[in-house]
Amino acid sequence: MEHHPVRLHRNVTALRNRSDKGFTVLEMVFVVVIVLIMTTMAVPLITNVIATYRMRSAVASVTGIIQATRFQAISASAPYQIVFTKATSTFQIQSAPDSVSPYTNYCVPAATSCPVPLSNSGVPVTLGADTTLQFRPSGIVSAPVGSTTLTLTYGGKTETISVTSYGNIKVTP
């Protein structure tokens, strides 16, 4: 039986091409190691970004409810107040028909419960101290309990919300 040199060359070339199409175990191990290293570096970064966004969400929720309550006091020409409770990380809006009547709870129409969680999203944000902000019908803000500064903490991040007597809000990290 005679081997034809052209046929033998084709068979060897076909074998080489077939083996060149796959990956070696060593190449696969290198790829897996690189992916693991990149994942290990990315997890803390992603966790930090998520914590930052959750904190921003809580701060936006609190500053929004402060502004909305102030505007409600102005538009209703009645005193309103927000009671922030540290132990439960919630707030309760209260209104009074006039300056001498006691405050009664006012539930936000869109809220699923009263008092309302600070962040409205179940994010465990903690409050620095119990604080009550009162809003006169003129829009003036005062704090009979605590100060006009609130401190929110989440995941090692702390933000301070300061409210001036004229209702201006400043947030500092």
C-alpha atoms as a PDB file:
ATOM      1  CA  MET A   1       0.000   0.000   0.000  1.00  0.00           C
ATOM      2  CA  GLU A   2       1.415   3.191  -1.160  1.00  0.00           C
ATOM      3  CA  HIS A   3       0.826   6.537   0.576  1.00  0.00           C
ATOM      4  CA  HIS A   4       0.298   9.406  -1.666  1.00  0.00           C
ATOM      5  CA  PRO A   5       2.317  12.437  -0.432  1.00  0.00           C
ATOM      6  CA  VAL A   6      -0.466  14.939  -1.179  1.00  0.00           C
ATOM      7  CA  ARG A   7      -3.009  12.923   0.824  1.00  0.00           C
ATOM      8  CA  LEU A   8      -0.620  12.584   3.763  1.00  0.00           C
ATOM      9  CA  HIS A   9       0.036  16.335   3.703  1.00  0.00           C
ATOM     10  CA  ARG A  10      -3.729  17.041   3.735  1.00  0.00           C
ATOM     11  CA  ASN A  11      -4.257  14.715   6.727  1.00  0.00           C
ATOM     12  CA  VAL A  12      -1.449  16.347   8.720  1.00  0.00           C
ATOM     13  CA  THR A  13      -2.735  19.843   7.856  1.00  0.00           C
ATOM     14  CA  ALA A  14      -6.270  18.858   8.897  1.00  0.00           C
ATOM     15  CA  LEU A  15      -4.978  17.524  12.239  1.00  0.00           C
ATOM     16  CA  ARG A  16      -3.075  20.755  12.900  1.00  0.00           C
ATOM     17  CA  ASN A  17      -6.072  22.951  12.050  1.00  0.00           C
ATOM     18  CA  ARG A  18      -8.343  20.867  14.263  1.00  0.00           C
ATOM     19  CA  SER A  19      -6.006  21.182  17.275  1.00  0.00           C
ATOM     20  CA  ASP A  20      -5.548  24.955  16.753  1.00  0.00           C
ATOM     21  CA  LYS A  21      -9.279  25.604  17.220  1.00  0.00           C
ATOM     22  CA  GLY A  22      -9.481  24.842  20.973  1.00  0.00           C
ATOM     23  CA  PHE A  23      -8.015  26.260  24.182  1.00  0.00           C
ATOM     24  CA  THR A  24      -5.438  24.599  26.364  1.00  0.00           C
ATOM     25  CA  VAL A  25      -6.117  23.975  30.043  1.00  0.00           C
ATOM     26  CA  LEU A  26      -3.389  26.456  30.942  1.00  0.00           C
ATOM     27  CA  GLU A  27      -5.072  29.200  28.893  1.00  0.00           C
ATOM     28  CA  MET A  28      -8.403  28.512  30.572  1.00  0.00           C
ATOM     29  CA  VAL A  29      -6.797  28.638  34.046  1.00  0.00           C
ATOM     30  CA  PHE A  30      -5.244  32.037  33.236  1.00  0.00           C
ATOM     31  CA  VAL A  31      -8.585  33.402  32.065  1.00  0.00           C
ATOM     32  CA  VAL A  32     -10.363  32.156  35.209  1.00  0.00           C
ATOM     33  CA  VAL A  33      -7.655  33.644  37.456  1.00  0.00           C
ATOM     34  CA  ILE A  34      -7.908  37.028  35.697  1.00  0.00           C
ATOM     35  CA  VAL A  35     -11.722  37.029  36.021  1.00  0.00           C
ATOM     36  CA  LEU A  36     -11.477  36.154  39.741  1.00  0.00           C
ATOM     37  CA  ILE A  37      -8.974  38.955  40.362  1.00  0.00           C
ATOM     38  CA  MET A  38     -11.172  41.495  38.554  1.00  0.00           C
ATOM     39  CA  THR A  39     -14.249  40.334  40.468  1.00  0.00           C
ATOM     40  CA  THR A  40     -12.422  40.604  43.787  1.00  0.00           C
ATOM     41  CA  MET A  41     -11.452  44.173  42.952  1.00  0.00           C
ATOM     42  CA  ALA A  42     -14.942  45.126  41.702  1.00  0.00           C
ATOM     43  CA  VAL A  43     -17.056  43.882  44.652  1.00  0.00           C
ATOM     44  CA  PRO A  44     -15.918  46.538  47.183  1.00  0.00           C
ATOM     45  CA  LEU A  45     -16.318  49.260  44.563  1.00  0.00           C
ATOM     46  CA  ILE A  46     -19.866  48.153  43.732  1.00  0.00           C
ATOM     47  CA  THR A  47     -20.761  47.889  47.426  1.00  0.00           C
ATOM     48  CA  ASN A  48     -19.495  51.431  48.017  1.00  0.00           C
ATOM     49  CA  VAL A  49     -21.470  52.795  45.058  1.00  0.00           C
ATOM     50  CA  ILE A  50     -24.665  51.094  46.281  1.00  0.00           C
ATOM     51  CA  ALA A  51     -24.183  52.550  49.776  1.00  0.00           C
ATOM     52  CA  THR A  52     -23.671  56.018  48.274  1.00  0.00           C
ATOM     53  CA  TYR A  53     -26.863  55.784  46.213  1.00  0.00           C
ATOM     54  CA  ARG A  54     -28.880  54.502  49.183  1.00  0.00           C
ATOM     55  CA  MET A  55     -27.630  57.375  51.323  1.00  0.00           C
ATOM     56  CA  ARG A  56     -28.465  59.895  48.599  1.00  0.00           C
ATOM     57  CA  SER A  57     -31.936  58.389  48.335  1.00  0.00           C
ATOM     58  CA  ALA A  58     -32.526  58.750  52.076  1.00  0.00           C
ATOM     59  CA  VAL A  59     -31.234  62.333  52.086  1.00  0.00           C
ATOM     60  CA  ALA A  60     -33.421  63.240  49.104  1.00  0.00           C
ATOM     61  CA  SER A  61     -36.430  61.690  50.840  1.00  0.00           C
ATOM     62  CA  VAL A  62     -35.848  63.616  54.072  1.00  0.00           C
ATOM     63  CA  THR A  63     -35.122  66.951  52.387  1.00  0.00           C
ATOM     64  CA  GLY A  64     -38.161  66.501  50.144  1.00  0.00           C
ATOM     65  CA  ILE A  65     -40.499  65.837  53.065  1.00  0.00           C
ATOM     66  CA  ILE A  66     -39.112  68.862  54.947  1.00  0.00           C
ATOM     67  CA  GLN A  67     -39.800  71.118  51.962  1.00  0.00           C
ATOM     68  CA  ALA A  68     -43.230  69.578  51.332  1.00  0.00           C
ATOM     69  CA  THR A  69     -44.272  70.028  54.968  1.00  0.00           C
ATOM     70  CA  ARG A  70     -43.130  73.655  54.969  1.00  0.00           C
ATOM     71  CA  PHE A  71     -45.117  74.323  51.788  1.00  0.00           C
ATOM     72  CA  GLN A  72     -48.140  72.555  53.309  1.00  0.00           C
ATOM     73  CA  ALA A  73     -47.979  74.857  56.350  1.00  0.00           C
ATOM     74  CA  ILE A  74     -47.815  77.912  54.085  1.00  0.00           C
ATOM     75  CA  SER A  75     -50.615  76.799  51.751  1.00  0.00           C
ATOM     76  CA  ALA A  76     -52.938  75.645  54.567  1.00  0.00           C
ATOM     77  CA  SER A  77     -52.127  78.710  56.704  1.00  0.00           C
ATOM     78  CA  ALA A  78     -51.752  76.366  59.662  1.00  0.00           C
ATOM     79  CA  PRO A  79     -48.838  75.141  61.777  1.00  0.00           C
ATOM     80  CA  TYR A  80     -47.272  71.803  60.829  1.00  0.00           C
ATOM     81  CA  GLN A  81     -44.430  69.837  62.316  1.00  0.00           C
ATOM     82  CA  ILE A  82     -42.314  66.799  61.481  1.00  0.00           C
ATOM     83  CA  VAL A  83     -41.268  64.514  64.308  1.00  0.00           C
ATOM     84  CA  PHE A  84     -38.164  62.463  63.464  1.00  0.00           C
ATOM     85  CA  THR A  85     -37.734  59.463  65.772  1.00  0.00           C
ATOM     86  CA  LYS A  86     -34.253  57.987  66.159  1.00  0.00           C
ATOM     87  CA  ALA A  87     -35.305  54.632  67.673  1.00  0.00           C
ATOM     88  CA  THR A  88     -37.487  53.661  64.705  1.00  0.00           C
ATOM     89  CA  SER A  89     -35.800  55.756  61.970  1.00  0.00           C
ATOM     90  CA  THR A  90     -39.178  57.198  61.015  1.00  0.00           C
ATOM     91  CA  PHE A  91     -40.912  60.533  60.709  1.00  0.00           C
ATOM     92  CA  GLN A  92     -44.463  61.628  61.468  1.00  0.00           C
ATOM     93  CA  ILE A  93     -46.093  64.747  60.051  1.00  0.00           C
ATOM     94  CA  GLN A  94     -48.474  66.524  62.405  1.00  0.00           C
ATOM     95  CA  SER A  95     -50.768  69.484  61.918  1.00  0.00           C
ATOM     96  CA  ALA A  96     -52.662  71.906  64.134  1.00  0.00           C
ATOM     97  CA  PRO A  97     -55.706  73.956  63.162  1.00  0.00           C
ATOM     98  CA  ASP A  98     -54.187  77.044  64.802  1.00  0.00           C
ATOM     99  CA  SER A  99     -51.206  78.123  66.892  1.00  0.00           C
ATOM    100  CA  VAL A 100     -52.762  77.163  70.248  1.00  0.00           C
ATOM    101  CA  SER A 101     -54.306  73.755  69.410  1.00  0.00           C
ATOM    102  CA  PRO A 102     -52.319  70.570  69.934  1.00  0.00           C
ATOM    103  CA  TYR A 103     -50.715  68.841  66.949  1.00  0.00           C
ATOM    104  CA  THR A 104     -52.419  65.724  65.558  1.00  0.00           C
ATOM    105  CA  ASN A 105     -50.955  63.102  63.261  1.00  0.00           C
ATOM    106  CA  TYR A 106     -51.308  63.732  59.571  1.00  0.00           C
ATOM    107  CA  CYS A 107     -50.656  60.748  57.313  1.00  0.00           C
ATOM    108  CA  VAL A 108     -49.129  61.426  53.936  1.00  0.00           C
ATOM    109  CA  PRO A 109     -51.705  60.237  51.369  1.00  0.00           C
ATOM    110  CA  ALA A 110     -49.182  58.130  49.426  1.00  0.00           C
ATOM    111  CA  ALA A 111     -47.675  56.552  52.563  1.00  0.00           C
ATOM    112  CA  THR A 112     -48.411  52.914  53.282  1.00  0.00           C
ATOM    113  CA  SER A 113     -48.057  53.470  57.023  1.00  0.00           C
ATOM    114  CA  CYS A 114     -47.742  56.198  59.630  1.00  0.00           C
ATOM    115  CA  PRO A 115     -45.123  57.012  60.837  1.00  0.00           C
ATOM    116  CA  VAL A 116     -43.136  56.721  57.597  1.00  0.00           C
ATOM    117  CA  PRO A 117     -39.631  55.187  57.314  1.00  0.00           C
ATOM    118  CA  LEU A 118     -36.924  57.784  56.665  1.00  0.00           C
ATOM    119  CA  SER A 119     -35.918  56.535  53.246  1.00  0.00           C
ATOM    120  CA  ASN A 120     -39.276  55.220  51.967  1.00  0.00           C
ATOM    121  CA  SER A 121     -37.408  52.224  50.549  1.00  0.00           C
ATOM    122  CA  GLY A 122     -36.647  50.011  53.534  1.00  0.00           C
ATOM    123  CA  VAL A 123     -33.007  51.108  53.584  1.00  0.00           C
ATOM    124  CA  PRO A 124     -31.757  50.931  57.187  1.00  0.00           C
ATOM    125  CA  VAL A 125     -30.712  54.556  57.588  1.00  0.00           C
ATOM    126  CA  THR A 126     -30.152  55.688  61.166  1.00  0.00           C
ATOM    127  CA  LEU A 127     -30.915  59.103  62.582  1.00  0.00           C
ATOM    128  CA  GLY A 128     -28.513  60.880  64.949  1.00  0.00           C
ATOM    129  CA  ALA A 129     -31.123  62.158  67.428  1.00  0.00           C
ATOM    130  CA  ASP A 130     -34.835  62.722  67.911  1.00  0.00           C
ATOM    131  CA  THR A 131     -35.720  65.978  66.184  1.00  0.00           C
ATOM    132  CA  THR A 132     -38.904  67.965  65.718  1.00  0.00           C
ATOM    133  CA  LEU A 133     -39.146  70.702  63.102  1.00  0.00           C
ATOM    134  CA  GLN A 134     -42.088  73.097  63.396  1.00  0.00           C
ATOM    135  CA  PHE A 135     -43.328  75.167  60.473  1.00  0.00           C
ATOM    136  CA  ARG A 136     -45.411  78.293  61.016  1.00  0.00           C
ATOM    137  CA  PRO A 137     -47.958  79.415  58.421  1.00  0.00           C
ATOM    138  CA  SER A 138     -45.449  82.104  57.431  1.00  0.00           C
ATOM    139  CA  GLY A 139     -42.900  79.392  56.529  1.00  0.00           C
ATOM    140  CA  ILE A 140     -40.581  80.081  59.473  1.00  0.00           C
ATOM    141  CA  VAL A 141     -38.904  76.913  60.807  1.00  0.00           C
ATOM    142  CA  SER A 142     -38.053  76.221  64.450  1.00  0.00           C
ATOM    143  CA  ALA A 143     -36.952  73.189  66.441  1.00  0.00           C
ATOM    144  CA  PRO A 144     -38.524  72.844  69.903  1.00  0.00           C
ATOM    145  CA  VAL A 145     -37.003  69.341  70.268  1.00  0.00           C
ATOM    146  CA  GLY A 146     -33.426  68.795  69.120  1.00  0.00           C
ATOM    147  CA  SER A 147     -31.866  71.210  66.658  1.00  0.00           C
ATOM    148  CA  THR A 148     -32.531  72.186  63.076  1.00  0.00           C
ATOM    149  CA  THR A 149     -29.735  69.808  62.042  1.00  0.00           C
ATOM    150  CA  LEU A 150     -30.351  66.131  61.320  1.00  0.00           C
ATOM    151  CA  THR A 151     -27.622  63.514  60.910  1.00  0.00           C
ATOM    152  CA  LEU A 152     -28.249  60.431  58.754  1.00  0.00           C
ATOM    153  CA  THR A 153     -25.917  57.426  58.742  1.00  0.00           C
ATOM    154  CA  TYR A 154     -25.812  54.398  56.469  1.00  0.00           C
ATOM    155  CA  GLY A 155     -23.018  51.938  55.785  1.00  0.00           C
ATOM    156  CA  GLY A 156     -20.357  54.061  57.460  1.00  0.00           C
ATOM    157  CA  LYS A 157     -21.393  57.175  55.536  1.00  0.00           C
ATOM    158  CA  THR A 158     -22.802  60.193  57.367  1.00  0.00           C
ATOM    159  CA  GLU A 159     -24.640  63.182  55.920  1.00  0.00           C
ATOM    160  CA  THR A 160     -25.828  66.237  57.825  1.00  0.00           C
ATOM    161  CA  ILE A 161     -29.004  68.090  56.831  1.00  0.00           C
ATOM    162  CA  SER A 162     -29.237  71.655  58.162  1.00  0.00           C
ATOM    163  CA  VAL A 163     -32.465  73.667  57.923  1.00  0.00           C
ATOM    164  CA  THR A 164     -32.365  77.441  58.356  1.00  0.00           C
ATOM    165  CA  SER A 165     -35.214  79.368  59.989  1.00  0.00           C
ATOM    166  CA  TYR A 166     -36.299  80.436  56.492  1.00  0.00           C
ATOM    167  CA  GLY A 167     -36.506  76.849  55.252  1.00  0.00           C
ATOM    168  CA  ASN A 168     -33.277  76.697  53.264  1.00  0.00           C
ATOM    169  CA  ILE A 169     -31.743  73.226  53.355  1.00  0.00           C
ATOM    170  CA  LYS A 170     -28.028  72.470  53.213  1.00  0.00           C
ATOM    171  CA  VAL A 171     -26.628  68.924  53.006  1.00  0.00           C
ATOM    172  CA  THR A 172     -23.000  68.256  53.934  1.00  0.00           C
ATOM    173  CA  PRO A 173     -21.166  64.928  53.844  1.00  0.00           C
END
